[in-house]
Amino acid sequence: MRRTLVGLLIGTLTGLLISLAAYYDLLPNWASRVGDLFHVPGETRSPVAIIAVDAEALQQYGQPDEWPPEQYAALFQRAYESRARGVALDFPLSSTAEGALSASLPNGWMIWPAVGVGTPSLRDGEVVFPYLLRPTSRAGIVGHINLLPDSDGVLRRVPLWIRVGSETVPALAWRAAALYLQAPIPPPMDSSFRWAGFPLTPDKGGRIQIRYPVRPGAIPTYPLRAFLEGNLMPEALAGRILFVGMTEGDKAETFQTPVGEMTGVEVQAQVATALLMGSVIAPVPFHPTVLMTLTASLLSGWTVARIRSPFLLAVVLLTIIGGVLVLTVIGISQGQGVDPFSLLAGILITAGVTALWRSHDERRRRSRLSLLLQGRASPRLIARLIETPDGEKLLNTDVRFVVALFADVRGFVRLTEAQDPRMVREAASYHLSCFTDAVVEAGGIVTKYVGDMVAAIFNAPLPMDRPVDQALRAAQDGLKRLEKLWRDNPGMMRMPMGVGIHAGTAVVGLMGSSQHPEYDAIGDTVNIAARLSTYAPAGEIYVTEAVVASAGKEWGFDPLGVVQVRGRYEPVLAYRLRTEG
């Protein structure tokens, strides 16, 4: 429960911090670049076409801002004869042409270019420029050709309106789409509105984000020379809006977009197609974004805090990330700009912070458990406690079924009489270590040393298979280790030991001072094993009826009858473990 709460707390804090960062646009470029990865262009058949002023056209006709009025007249006449729905110019007019535009050309389907000049600012639902360059003639419809990339140089949002003083001019591509659909253009606003049957959601500067509906180069593009000389099939341009712009030369603008590099006229054609098809992206409101970010962060925190298997943890995290990716793709395809950066950042940052906390917590737990049980329990058992959720709670005081084992030195007082205390201490340490190692290797825990006695328990704090058999093996192994110790050190003082084993319930857990607790066991089961060890002769293992009843078939026992143990009213039915061979 503690780990779950910490993981959820980290997820909550991370989700809120990322949401605040997104609200105040603290990391706009990062968020936008991640969103670009999900911007896949479609295969829509565009109702627009591009007349490209390429290198050949520049060589033959010159720069568009130097064309004479006759060149413009020829351009519009050819478009009219091709049954185009309209013509939009994506370059400033020449000064000589502005005053000589032919009034004989069809009015209402030519869109003249206006250009905002100077440093723009965003306010009141419009992009505001200090100056405006536009044709002086009032014989046509005007649309601005300004395209404003984001601060990282990527063109994602297009201004619907620009304003200079009291004059507001809609975008060239929007004018073209409105001309095609015969739909009016509303005044500037910074809130969502419906246009031509679908919603548009401009930002505070009156800009919208489009989903580029056609992959780069897929919009029909025809050279200006072939167009003017009538070398195109009549049906190629019929019913289309024609965008005329420069695709080559020093004055051709090139923009980086989420789907690749495009010239300015290509972008205008893409924007018009997007507005005609409703392929625009509306940002998800702030509150749902916060909710999704918090949800993703909470799931990540809970996953890292609770799941221990690295493989399962990776699978669950990848599933959460995959869900975010699918949600983002579906949202963009439906015109909803789900912010994948906030969601993915919430998942990854929460996972990282929770993993660091979990690593620190496990190191602390490992240090504490090692301090409590080091040398008295096997490293495998300590590792299992660490890996077990809330493993430290297993050390809390509780009533458990245990097998208690005591090994006691026979005649310790007589053996140590008039002996050098340092030699006695050294010999006792070696003898007690033999049984300690045997108990630890068998999976038990040495709970304490009482003078010349070793006390151990099995089946706590973690349950084990057949704890009685493990205690019997530890007892036999301990006696064998003593014999080996004597063989290897013939000059060492010998301290023969007897063993007592009993099985039953006992109170086990951390006991003593809260500053220096000891893992121990108390109760009648422990007392009987301790008393029984004092009756067992050197090299013998005495057990109770409870041990005999639970032992495996490989063990043999000889009955000893009733033993009246010291300090206990009821006698104990004792058995001797039959030695091997």
Protein backbone atom coordinates (compact mmCIF):
# COMPACT_ATOMS: atom_id res chain seq x y z
CA MET A 1 0.00 0.00 0.00
CA ARG A 2 2.83 2.39 0.85
CA ARG A 3 4.47 1.88 -2.52
CA THR A 4 1.16 2.37 -4.32
CA LEU A 5 0.52 5.65 -2.53
CA VAL A 6 4.02 6.94 -3.28
CA GLY A 7 3.72 5.98 -6.97
CA LEU A 8 0.33 7.70 -7.24
CA LEU A 9 1.65 10.78 -5.44
CA ILE A 10 4.61 11.06 -7.82
CA GLY A 11 2.26 10.61 -10.79
CA THR A 12 -0.09 13.32 -9.50
CA LEU A 13 2.68 15.86 -8.91
CA THR A 14 4.33 15.12 -12.26
CA GLY A 15 1.05 15.37 -14.16
CA LEU A 16 0.18 18.71 -12.54
CA LEU A 17 3.64 20.20 -13.17
CA ILE A 18 3.62 19.14 -16.83
CA SER A 19 0.09 20.49 -17.26
CA LEU A 20 1.16 23.85 -15.81
CA ALA A 21 4.19 23.92 -18.12
CA ALA A 22 1.90 23.22 -21.10
CA TYR A 23 -0.58 25.89 -19.98
CA TYR A 24 2.11 28.57 -19.80
CA ASP A 25 3.86 27.39 -23.00
CA LEU A 26 7.14 26.79 -21.18
CA LEU A 27 8.21 24.07 -23.63
CA PRO A 28 6.36 24.95 -26.86
CA ASN A 29 8.93 23.70 -29.37
CA TRP A 30 9.39 20.32 -27.71
CA ALA A 31 5.66 19.74 -27.56
CA SER A 32 5.24 20.82 -31.17
CA ARG A 33 8.06 18.62 -32.45
CA VAL A 34 6.64 15.56 -30.74
CA GLY A 35 3.24 16.38 -32.24
CA ASP A 36 4.86 16.63 -35.70
CA LEU A 37 5.74 12.94 -35.52
CA PHE A 38 2.03 12.11 -35.69
CA HIS A 39 1.28 14.47 -38.56
CA VAL A 40 0.85 12.04 -41.44
CA PRO A 41 -0.40 13.63 -44.69
CA GLY A 42 -3.39 12.10 -46.40
CA GLU A 43 -4.12 11.18 -49.99
CA THR A 44 -6.98 13.62 -50.56
CA ARG A 45 -7.65 14.65 -54.18
CA SER A 46 -7.11 18.37 -54.02
CA PRO A 47 -9.56 20.72 -55.80
CA VAL A 48 -6.71 23.17 -56.35
CA ALA A 49 -3.76 23.30 -58.73
CA ILE A 50 -0.46 25.16 -58.82
CA ILE A 51 0.86 27.19 -61.72
CA ALA A 52 4.59 27.17 -61.00
CA VAL A 53 6.79 30.12 -61.85
CA ASP A 54 9.87 27.93 -62.27
CA ALA A 55 13.38 28.63 -63.56
CA GLU A 56 12.25 28.42 -67.18
CA ALA A 57 9.43 30.93 -66.59
CA LEU A 58 11.79 33.31 -64.81
CA GLN A 59 14.19 33.17 -67.72
CA GLN A 60 11.48 33.76 -70.30
CA TYR A 61 9.11 36.17 -68.51
CA GLY A 62 11.28 37.66 -65.77
CA GLN A 63 10.47 38.16 -62.08
CA PRO A 64 6.69 38.40 -61.36
CA ASP A 65 7.07 41.78 -59.62
CA GLU A 66 8.46 43.12 -62.93
CA TRP A 67 5.77 41.77 -65.23
CA PRO A 68 3.91 44.28 -67.40
CA PRO A 69 0.11 44.50 -67.19
CA GLU A 70 -0.19 42.49 -70.41
CA GLN A 71 1.47 39.51 -68.75
CA TYR A 72 -1.13 39.51 -65.96
CA ALA A 73 -3.92 39.90 -68.51
CA ALA A 74 -2.63 36.89 -70.46
CA LEU A 75 -2.41 34.87 -67.24
CA PHE A 76 -5.98 35.65 -66.19
CA GLN A 77 -7.36 35.20 -69.67
CA ARG A 78 -5.82 31.76 -70.00
CA ALA A 79 -7.22 30.77 -66.57
CA TYR A 80 -10.65 31.99 -67.60
CA GLU A 81 -10.50 30.02 -70.83
CA SER A 82 -9.45 26.89 -68.87
CA ARG A 83 -12.71 27.16 -66.86
CA ALA A 84 -10.82 27.52 -63.56
CA ARG A 85 -12.93 28.45 -60.53
CA GLY A 86 -10.54 31.23 -59.55
CA VAL A 87 -6.95 32.47 -59.53
CA ALA A 88 -4.90 33.42 -56.45
CA LEU A 89 -1.53 35.13 -56.79
CA ASP A 90 1.12 34.20 -54.19
CA PHE A 91 3.52 37.07 -54.91
CA PRO A 92 3.32 40.87 -54.74
CA LEU A 93 2.16 42.63 -57.90
CA SER A 94 4.48 44.83 -59.89
CA SER A 95 4.02 48.55 -59.36
CA THR A 96 3.22 49.07 -63.05
CA ALA A 97 0.45 46.49 -62.99
CA GLU A 98 -1.38 47.83 -59.93
CA GLY A 99 -2.69 50.90 -61.76
CA ALA A 100 -3.47 49.16 -65.01
CA LEU A 101 -5.49 46.10 -64.02
CA SER A 102 -8.02 45.43 -66.73
CA ALA A 103 -11.59 46.00 -65.66
CA SER A 104 -12.70 43.79 -68.52
CA LEU A 105 -11.55 40.63 -66.79
CA PRO A 106 -14.21 38.70 -64.84
CA ASN A 107 -14.50 40.17 -61.38
CA GLY A 108 -14.91 38.07 -58.21
CA TRP A 109 -12.69 35.14 -59.07
CA MET A 110 -9.27 36.82 -59.03
CA ILE A 111 -7.64 37.05 -55.60
CA TRP A 112 -5.02 39.75 -55.33
CA PRO A 113 -2.13 39.40 -52.87
CA ALA A 114 -1.68 41.60 -49.82
CA VAL A 115 1.46 41.50 -47.70
CA GLY A 116 1.84 42.48 -44.05
CA VAL A 117 5.17 44.25 -43.54
CA GLY A 118 7.21 44.64 -40.34
CA THR A 119 7.32 42.66 -37.11
CA PRO A 120 3.97 40.99 -36.41
CA SER A 121 2.29 40.73 -33.01
CA LEU A 122 -0.58 38.54 -31.84
CA ARG A 123 -3.57 40.14 -30.17
CA ASP A 124 -7.33 40.25 -30.28
CA GLY A 125 -7.67 37.25 -32.57
CA GLU A 126 -5.49 38.73 -35.33
CA VAL A 127 -1.91 38.94 -36.46
CA VAL A 128 -1.17 42.66 -36.43
CA PHE A 129 1.39 44.21 -38.82
CA PRO A 130 2.66 47.79 -38.84
CA TYR A 131 2.19 48.15 -42.62
CA LEU A 132 0.27 46.55 -45.45
CA LEU A 133 1.22 46.28 -49.11
CA ARG A 134 -1.79 45.67 -51.35
CA PRO A 135 -2.99 46.47 -54.87
CA THR A 136 -4.44 49.94 -55.30
CA SER A 137 -7.15 48.62 -57.59
CA ARG A 138 -10.50 47.83 -56.01
CA ALA A 139 -11.47 45.53 -58.89
CA GLY A 140 -10.63 42.28 -57.12
CA ILE A 141 -10.77 40.32 -53.88
CA VAL A 142 -7.73 40.63 -51.60
CA GLY A 143 -6.12 37.94 -49.45
CA HIS A 144 -2.87 38.17 -47.48
CA ILE A 145 0.00 35.81 -48.34
CA ASN A 146 1.80 35.95 -44.99
CA LEU A 147 2.93 32.58 -43.56
CA LEU A 148 4.45 32.70 -40.06
CA PRO A 149 6.53 29.73 -38.87
CA ASP A 150 6.78 28.94 -35.17
CA SER A 151 9.87 29.94 -33.22
CA ASP A 152 11.63 26.69 -34.21
CA GLY A 153 11.17 27.49 -37.91
CA VAL A 154 8.40 24.96 -38.60
CA LEU A 155 5.20 26.18 -40.24
CA ARG A 156 2.31 24.63 -38.30
CA ARG A 157 -0.24 27.40 -37.89
CA VAL A 158 -1.59 29.80 -40.50
CA PRO A 159 -3.03 33.26 -39.64
CA LEU A 160 -6.64 33.51 -40.80
CA TRP A 161 -6.60 37.30 -40.57
CA ILE A 162 -4.01 40.05 -40.48
CA ARG A 163 -4.77 43.61 -39.43
CA VAL A 164 -3.09 46.89 -40.19
CA GLY A 165 -4.70 49.83 -38.42
CA SER A 166 -8.44 49.51 -38.94
CA GLU A 167 -8.15 47.24 -41.98
CA THR A 168 -8.42 43.46 -41.66
CA VAL A 169 -7.47 41.11 -44.51
CA PRO A 170 -8.24 37.35 -44.53
CA ALA A 171 -5.71 34.75 -45.69
CA LEU A 172 -5.22 34.16 -49.40
CA ALA A 173 -5.93 30.41 -49.05
CA TRP A 174 -9.07 31.14 -47.02
CA ARG A 175 -10.26 33.59 -49.66
CA ALA A 176 -9.72 30.88 -52.29
CA ALA A 177 -11.65 28.27 -50.29
CA ALA A 178 -14.48 30.74 -49.64
CA LEU A 179 -14.59 31.59 -53.34
CA TYR A 180 -14.80 27.90 -54.23
CA LEU A 181 -17.59 27.21 -51.70
CA GLN A 182 -19.31 30.60 -52.08
CA ALA A 183 -19.11 30.93 -48.27
CA PRO A 184 -18.75 34.28 -46.47
CA ILE A 185 -15.73 34.99 -44.27
CA PRO A 186 -16.59 36.10 -40.72
CA PRO A 187 -14.85 38.93 -38.82
CA PRO A 188 -11.81 38.12 -36.64
CA MET A 189 -12.34 36.12 -33.44
CA ASP A 190 -10.22 34.03 -31.06
CA SER A 191 -12.84 31.41 -30.17
CA SER A 192 -14.13 28.40 -32.03
CA PHE A 193 -16.70 28.99 -34.76
CA ARG A 194 -18.28 27.02 -37.58
CA TRP A 195 -17.42 27.78 -41.17
CA ALA A 196 -18.67 25.87 -44.22
CA GLY A 197 -20.09 23.14 -42.00
CA PHE A 198 -17.06 22.35 -39.84
CA PRO A 199 -15.46 24.01 -36.80
CA LEU A 200 -12.43 26.29 -36.90
CA THR A 201 -10.60 26.95 -33.64
CA PRO A 202 -8.13 29.84 -33.93
CA ASP A 203 -5.66 30.65 -31.18
CA LYS A 204 -5.39 34.05 -29.52
CA GLY A 205 -3.67 35.40 -32.65
CA GLY A 206 -6.32 34.16 -35.02
CA ARG A 207 -4.16 31.28 -36.32
CA ILE A 208 -5.34 27.74 -37.00
CA GLN A 209 -3.38 24.54 -37.23
CA ILE A 210 -4.11 22.48 -40.32
CA ARG A 211 -3.56 18.80 -40.92
CA TYR A 212 -1.71 18.85 -44.22
CA PRO A 213 -4.19 16.89 -46.34
CA VAL A 214 -1.86 16.00 -49.22
CA ARG A 215 1.72 14.74 -49.15
CA PRO A 216 4.31 17.21 -50.49
CA GLY A 217 4.41 17.27 -54.29
CA ALA A 218 1.02 15.57 -54.69
CA ILE A 219 -0.97 18.71 -55.57
CA PRO A 220 -1.17 19.03 -59.41
CA THR A 221 1.56 21.44 -60.47
CA TYR A 222 2.02 22.81 -64.00
CA PRO A 223 4.78 25.05 -65.42
CA LEU A 224 3.75 28.62 -66.19
CA ARG A 225 5.04 28.43 -69.78
CA ALA A 226 3.02 25.29 -70.58
CA PHE A 227 -0.03 26.97 -69.04
CA LEU A 228 0.31 30.22 -71.01
CA GLU A 229 1.04 28.46 -74.28
CA GLY A 230 -2.07 26.27 -73.91
CA ASN A 231 -0.16 23.00 -73.78
CA LEU A 232 -2.27 21.54 -70.93
CA MET A 233 -5.30 19.32 -71.28
CA PRO A 234 -8.47 21.45 -70.85
CA GLU A 235 -9.84 19.19 -68.08
CA ALA A 236 -6.61 19.54 -66.06
CA LEU A 237 -7.62 22.96 -64.70
CA ALA A 238 -11.40 22.98 -65.10
CA GLY A 239 -13.24 23.60 -61.85
CA ARG A 240 -10.06 24.15 -59.83
CA ILE A 241 -8.67 27.08 -57.89
CA LEU A 242 -5.30 28.01 -59.38
CA PHE A 243 -2.51 29.21 -57.11
CA VAL A 244 0.19 31.01 -59.05
CA GLY A 245 3.52 31.31 -57.26
CA MET A 246 7.27 30.98 -57.48
CA THR A 247 8.76 27.53 -56.99
CA GLU A 248 12.33 28.39 -57.97
CA GLY A 249 14.63 31.41 -57.88
CA ASP A 250 16.01 33.69 -55.19
CA LYS A 251 12.62 35.12 -54.29
CA ALA A 252 10.87 31.76 -53.88
CA GLU A 253 10.10 31.21 -50.20
CA THR A 254 10.66 27.75 -48.74
CA PHE A 255 9.10 26.58 -45.47
CA GLN A 256 9.71 23.60 -43.25
CA THR A 257 6.41 21.91 -42.35
CA PRO A 258 5.55 18.90 -40.17
CA VAL A 259 5.36 16.76 -43.33
CA GLY A 260 8.41 18.08 -45.17
CA GLU A 261 9.75 21.09 -47.02
CA MET A 262 7.41 23.13 -49.24
CA THR A 263 7.45 26.36 -51.18
CA GLY A 264 5.10 29.15 -50.18
CA VAL A 265 2.68 28.49 -53.02
CA GLU A 266 2.55 24.79 -52.09
CA VAL A 267 1.65 25.73 -48.52
CA GLN A 268 -1.10 28.07 -49.76
CA ALA A 269 -2.54 25.26 -51.87
CA GLN A 270 -2.34 22.86 -48.91
CA VAL A 271 -4.11 25.35 -46.61
CA ALA A 272 -6.89 25.93 -49.14
CA THR A 273 -7.35 22.17 -49.53
CA ALA A 274 -7.45 21.71 -45.77
CA LEU A 275 -10.09 24.43 -45.39
CA LEU A 276 -12.15 22.96 -48.22
CA MET A 277 -11.98 19.45 -46.72
CA GLY A 278 -12.27 20.45 -43.06
CA SER A 279 -8.79 19.02 -42.42
CA VAL A 280 -8.00 21.28 -39.48
CA ILE A 281 -6.79 20.44 -35.99
CA ALA A 282 -8.62 21.84 -32.99
CA PRO A 283 -6.55 21.77 -29.78
CA VAL A 284 -8.09 19.73 -26.99
CA PRO A 285 -9.28 22.08 -24.21
CA PHE A 286 -7.01 22.51 -21.20
CA HIS A 287 -9.10 20.60 -18.66
CA PRO A 288 -9.38 17.35 -20.67
CA THR A 289 -5.66 17.60 -21.42
CA VAL A 290 -4.89 17.86 -17.70
CA LEU A 291 -7.16 14.90 -17.00
CA MET A 292 -5.47 12.75 -19.67
CA THR A 293 -1.98 13.78 -18.49
CA LEU A 294 -2.84 12.98 -14.88
CA THR A 295 -4.33 9.63 -15.86
CA ALA A 296 -1.26 8.65 -17.88
CA SER A 297 1.08 9.78 -15.07
CA LEU A 298 -0.91 7.95 -12.40
CA LEU A 299 -0.92 4.72 -14.41
CA SER A 300 2.84 5.04 -14.92
CA GLY A 301 3.48 5.70 -11.21
CA TRP A 302 1.32 2.79 -10.09
CA THR A 303 2.94 0.44 -12.63
CA VAL A 304 6.53 1.20 -11.62
CA ALA A 305 5.71 1.19 -7.91
CA ARG A 306 3.86 -2.14 -7.91
CA ILE A 307 5.23 -4.35 -10.69
CA ARG A 308 8.57 -6.00 -9.90
CA SER A 309 9.14 -8.19 -12.93
CA PRO A 310 11.24 -6.14 -15.41
CA PHE A 311 9.64 -7.91 -18.37
CA LEU A 312 6.07 -7.36 -17.15
CA LEU A 313 6.92 -3.77 -16.18
CA ALA A 314 8.23 -3.07 -19.68
CA VAL A 315 5.15 -4.67 -21.27
CA VAL A 316 2.72 -2.60 -19.18
CA LEU A 317 4.62 0.67 -19.74
CA LEU A 318 4.81 0.03 -23.48
CA THR A 319 1.08 -0.73 -23.47
CA ILE A 320 0.35 2.61 -21.79
CA ILE A 321 2.62 4.44 -24.24
CA GLY A 322 1.02 2.57 -27.14
CA GLY A 323 -2.41 3.64 -25.91
CA VAL A 324 -1.27 7.28 -25.91
CA LEU A 325 0.09 6.94 -29.45
CA VAL A 326 -3.12 5.36 -30.71
CA LEU A 327 -5.19 8.05 -28.96
CA THR A 328 -3.07 10.76 -30.58
CA VAL A 329 -3.33 9.30 -34.09
CA ILE A 330 -7.09 8.82 -33.77
CA GLY A 331 -7.49 12.32 -32.36
CA ILE A 332 -5.54 13.99 -35.18
CA SER A 333 -7.43 11.98 -37.79
CA GLN A 334 -10.65 13.27 -36.20
CA GLY A 335 -9.37 16.87 -36.07
CA GLN A 336 -8.51 16.90 -32.37
CA GLY A 337 -4.98 18.01 -31.48
CA VAL A 338 -4.24 15.67 -28.57
CA ASP A 339 -0.95 16.79 -27.03
CA PRO A 340 1.20 13.64 -27.05
CA PHE A 341 4.16 15.46 -25.49
CA SER A 342 2.40 16.12 -22.18
CA LEU A 343 1.09 12.56 -21.97
CA LEU A 344 4.38 10.91 -22.92
CA ALA A 345 6.38 13.26 -20.69
CA GLY A 346 4.05 12.44 -17.80
CA ILE A 347 4.53 8.71 -18.37
CA LEU A 348 8.31 8.81 -18.79
CA ILE A 349 9.11 11.37 -16.07
CA THR A 350 6.82 9.63 -13.58
CA ALA A 351 8.35 6.27 -14.44
CA GLY A 352 11.86 7.67 -14.03
CA VAL A 353 11.20 9.43 -10.71
CA THR A 354 9.27 6.47 -9.31
CA ALA A 355 12.04 4.10 -10.39
CA LEU A 356 14.63 6.28 -8.62
CA TRP A 357 12.51 6.38 -5.47
CA ARG A 358 11.94 2.65 -5.64
CA SER A 359 15.67 2.01 -6.10
CA HIS A 360 16.45 4.23 -3.11
CA ASP A 361 13.73 2.57 -1.05
CA GLU A 362 15.00 -0.90 -1.92
CA ARG A 363 18.56 0.08 -1.02
CA ARG A 364 17.30 1.38 2.32
CA ARG A 365 15.27 -1.76 2.91
CA ARG A 366 18.16 -3.96 1.84
CA SER A 367 20.47 -2.11 4.22
CA ARG A 368 18.02 -2.40 7.10
CA LEU A 369 17.23 -6.06 6.49
CA SER A 370 20.89 -6.88 6.01
CA LEU A 371 21.70 -5.14 9.27
CA LEU A 372 19.03 -7.14 11.07
CA LEU A 373 19.67 -10.54 9.48
CA GLN A 374 23.20 -10.45 8.06
CA GLY A 375 25.05 -13.61 9.05
CA ARG A 376 21.90 -15.09 10.60
CA ALA A 377 19.96 -15.77 7.41
CA SER A 378 20.91 -16.74 3.88
CA PRO A 379 21.41 -13.98 1.29
CA ARG A 380 18.72 -15.71 -0.77
CA LEU A 381 16.19 -15.34 2.06
CA ILE A 382 17.14 -11.69 2.59
CA ALA A 383 16.77 -11.08 -1.17
CA ARG A 384 13.34 -12.71 -1.16
CA LEU A 385 12.26 -10.46 1.71
CA ILE A 386 13.45 -7.41 -0.22
CA GLU A 387 11.69 -8.50 -3.39
CA THR A 388 8.45 -9.30 -1.57
CA PRO A 389 6.00 -6.37 -1.57
CA ASP A 390 5.82 -5.02 1.99
CA GLY A 391 8.41 -7.62 2.94
CA GLU A 392 9.39 -5.65 6.04
CA LYS A 393 5.91 -6.22 7.42
CA LEU A 394 6.74 -9.92 7.61
CA LEU A 395 9.19 -9.05 10.37
CA ASN A 396 6.40 -7.61 12.50
CA THR A 397 5.38 -9.58 15.55
CA ASP A 398 2.95 -12.36 14.71
CA VAL A 399 1.94 -15.88 15.75
CA ARG A 400 3.43 -18.40 13.34
CA PHE A 401 4.00 -22.14 13.04
CA VAL A 402 7.75 -22.60 13.41
CA VAL A 403 10.31 -25.29 13.98
CA ALA A 404 12.67 -24.28 16.79
CA LEU A 405 16.21 -25.69 16.92
CA PHE A 406 18.66 -25.31 19.81
CA ALA A 407 22.26 -26.58 19.88
CA ASP A 408 23.92 -26.55 23.32
CA VAL A 409 27.53 -27.28 24.32
CA ARG A 410 27.82 -30.21 26.71
CA GLY A 411 29.71 -29.48 29.93
CA PHE A 412 30.70 -25.98 28.98
CA VAL A 413 31.49 -24.89 32.55
CA ARG A 414 33.77 -27.87 33.16
CA LEU A 415 35.45 -27.46 29.76
CA THR A 416 36.27 -23.81 30.33
CA GLU A 417 37.38 -24.14 33.93
CA ALA A 418 40.82 -22.56 34.44
CA GLN A 419 41.16 -21.94 30.68
CA ASP A 420 42.38 -18.74 29.01
CA PRO A 421 39.20 -16.72 28.27
CA ARG A 422 40.58 -15.65 24.90
CA MET A 423 41.12 -19.27 23.88
CA VAL A 424 37.63 -20.16 25.13
CA ARG A 425 36.07 -17.30 23.16
CA GLU A 426 37.87 -18.30 19.98
CA ALA A 427 36.93 -21.98 20.31
CA ALA A 428 33.30 -21.15 21.13
CA SER A 429 33.07 -18.86 18.12
CA TYR A 430 34.26 -21.63 15.78
CA HIS A 431 31.86 -24.19 17.27
CA LEU A 432 28.84 -21.88 17.21
CA SER A 433 29.69 -20.84 13.64
CA CYS A 434 29.41 -24.47 12.53
CA PHE A 435 25.75 -24.58 13.54
CA THR A 436 25.11 -21.03 12.32
CA ASP A 437 26.35 -21.91 8.84
CA ALA A 438 24.32 -25.13 8.83
CA VAL A 439 21.12 -23.28 9.81
CA VAL A 440 21.64 -20.49 7.26
CA GLU A 441 22.36 -22.94 4.46
CA ALA A 442 19.16 -24.86 5.29
CA GLY A 443 17.06 -21.68 5.03
CA GLY A 444 16.56 -21.04 8.73
CA ILE A 445 17.32 -17.96 10.82
CA VAL A 446 19.63 -17.86 13.84
CA THR A 447 17.69 -15.79 16.32
CA LYS A 448 20.22 -15.48 19.14
CA TYR A 449 23.25 -16.85 20.97
CA VAL A 450 22.68 -17.59 24.63
CA GLY A 451 26.10 -18.21 26.11
CA ASP A 452 27.15 -21.57 24.68
CA MET A 453 23.81 -22.16 22.90
CA VAL A 454 22.65 -21.43 19.33
CA ALA A 455 18.92 -20.73 18.81
CA ALA A 456 17.28 -20.91 15.37
CA ILE A 457 13.85 -21.11 13.79
CA PHE A 458 12.50 -22.34 10.46
CA ASN A 459 9.38 -21.29 8.51
CA ALA A 460 9.66 -17.60 9.44
CA PRO A 461 9.60 -14.85 8.36
CA LEU A 462 8.93 -16.47 4.98
CA PRO A 463 7.11 -19.79 4.73
CA MET A 464 9.13 -22.73 3.46
CA ASP A 465 8.43 -26.22 2.18
CA ARG A 466 8.78 -28.94 4.83
CA PRO A 467 10.43 -26.83 7.56
CA VAL A 468 10.79 -29.87 9.86
CA ASP A 469 12.94 -31.67 7.30
CA GLN A 470 15.07 -28.57 6.82
CA ALA A 471 15.62 -28.27 10.59
CA LEU A 472 16.65 -31.95 10.82
CA ARG A 473 19.10 -31.49 7.94
CA ALA A 474 20.55 -28.39 9.60
CA ALA A 475 21.04 -30.34 12.86
CA GLN A 476 22.81 -33.23 11.14
CA ASP A 477 24.91 -30.85 9.04
CA GLY A 478 25.92 -28.87 12.14
CA LEU A 479 27.18 -32.01 13.91
CA LYS A 480 29.12 -33.05 10.79
CA ARG A 481 30.72 -29.61 10.60
CA LEU A 482 31.84 -29.99 14.23
CA GLU A 483 33.55 -33.28 13.42
CA LYS A 484 35.29 -31.71 10.44
CA LEU A 485 36.37 -28.77 12.59
CA TRP A 486 37.98 -31.18 15.06
CA ARG A 487 39.70 -33.15 12.30
CA ASP A 488 41.10 -30.01 10.71
CA ASN A 489 42.16 -28.50 14.06
CA PRO A 490 43.32 -31.35 16.34
CA GLY A 491 44.80 -28.91 18.86
CA MET A 492 41.60 -26.92 19.32
CA MET A 493 39.49 -27.23 22.47
CA ARG A 494 36.57 -29.51 21.65
CA MET A 495 33.05 -28.46 22.61
CA PRO A 496 30.61 -31.31 21.87
CA MET A 497 27.01 -30.19 21.34
CA GLY A 498 23.56 -31.70 21.70
CA VAL A 499 20.52 -30.61 19.70
CA GLY A 500 16.84 -30.20 20.58
CA ILE A 501 14.06 -29.62 18.01
CA HIS A 502 10.37 -28.94 18.51
CA ALA A 503 7.58 -27.76 16.15
CA GLY A 504 4.57 -25.62 17.05
CA THR A 505 3.24 -22.10 17.28
CA ALA A 506 5.31 -19.24 18.62
CA VAL A 507 5.34 -15.47 18.66
CA VAL A 508 7.95 -14.34 16.15
CA GLY A 509 9.08 -10.91 14.96
CA LEU A 510 11.21 -7.93 15.85
CA MET A 511 11.50 -7.63 19.62
CA GLY A 512 13.40 -5.51 22.09
CA SER A 513 14.36 -1.85 21.80
CA SER A 514 12.94 0.07 18.85
CA GLN A 515 16.44 1.43 18.26
CA HIS A 516 18.10 -1.98 18.26
CA PRO A 517 15.44 -4.63 17.57
CA GLU A 518 16.23 -8.34 17.25
CA TYR A 519 14.32 -10.90 15.22
CA ASP A 520 13.39 -13.55 17.77
CA ALA A 521 10.80 -16.15 18.74
CA ILE A 522 9.22 -16.75 22.16
CA GLY A 523 6.69 -19.22 23.48
CA ASP A 524 6.29 -22.78 24.73
CA THR A 525 7.57 -24.22 21.43
CA VAL A 526 10.88 -22.40 21.82
CA ASN A 527 11.17 -23.29 25.52
CA ILE A 528 10.68 -27.02 24.88
CA ALA A 529 13.34 -27.05 22.14
CA ALA A 530 15.76 -25.20 24.41
CA ARG A 531 15.18 -27.56 27.35
CA LEU A 532 15.34 -30.63 25.14
CA SER A 533 18.76 -29.57 23.82
CA THR A 534 20.11 -29.65 27.39
CA TYR A 535 19.06 -33.34 27.73
CA ALA A 536 20.55 -34.44 24.43
CA PRO A 537 23.96 -36.09 24.83
CA ALA A 538 26.89 -34.85 22.76
CA GLY A 539 26.38 -35.60 19.06
CA GLU A 540 22.70 -36.55 19.57
CA ILE A 541 19.53 -34.90 18.22
CA TYR A 542 16.41 -35.06 20.41
CA VAL A 543 13.04 -34.19 18.93
CA THR A 544 9.42 -34.12 20.04
CA GLU A 545 6.40 -36.07 18.82
CA ALA A 546 5.32 -33.06 16.74
CA VAL A 547 8.59 -33.26 14.79
CA VAL A 548 8.25 -37.01 14.23
CA ALA A 549 4.69 -36.57 12.95
CA SER A 550 5.74 -33.94 10.36
CA ALA A 551 9.06 -35.43 9.27
CA GLY A 552 9.52 -37.07 5.90
CA LYS A 553 9.80 -40.83 5.37
CA GLU A 554 13.57 -40.66 4.97
CA TRP A 555 14.03 -39.98 8.68
CA GLY A 556 14.18 -42.63 11.42
CA PHE A 557 13.54 -42.08 15.12
CA ASP A 558 14.02 -44.07 18.31
CA PRO A 559 11.51 -43.42 21.13
CA LEU A 560 13.02 -42.23 24.43
CA GLY A 561 9.87 -42.12 26.50
CA VAL A 562 8.61 -39.25 28.58
CA VAL A 563 11.06 -36.52 29.56
CA GLN A 564 10.25 -34.10 32.36
CA VAL A 565 11.85 -30.87 31.17
CA ARG A 566 12.87 -28.26 33.68
CA GLY A 567 10.40 -25.44 34.31
CA ARG A 568 7.43 -27.21 32.71
CA TYR A 569 4.57 -29.09 34.41
CA GLU A 570 3.65 -31.37 31.53
CA PRO A 571 6.25 -33.93 30.42
CA VAL A 572 7.42 -34.21 26.83
CA LEU A 573 7.43 -37.38 24.73
CA ALA A 574 10.93 -37.39 23.24
CA TYR A 575 12.63 -39.23 20.35
CA ARG A 576 16.20 -39.53 19.20
CA LEU A 577 17.04 -38.99 15.54
CA ARG A 578 18.58 -42.17 14.22
CA THR A 579 22.09 -41.55 12.88
CA GLU A 580 22.91 -42.34 9.27
CA GLY A 581 24.32 -45.75 8.44
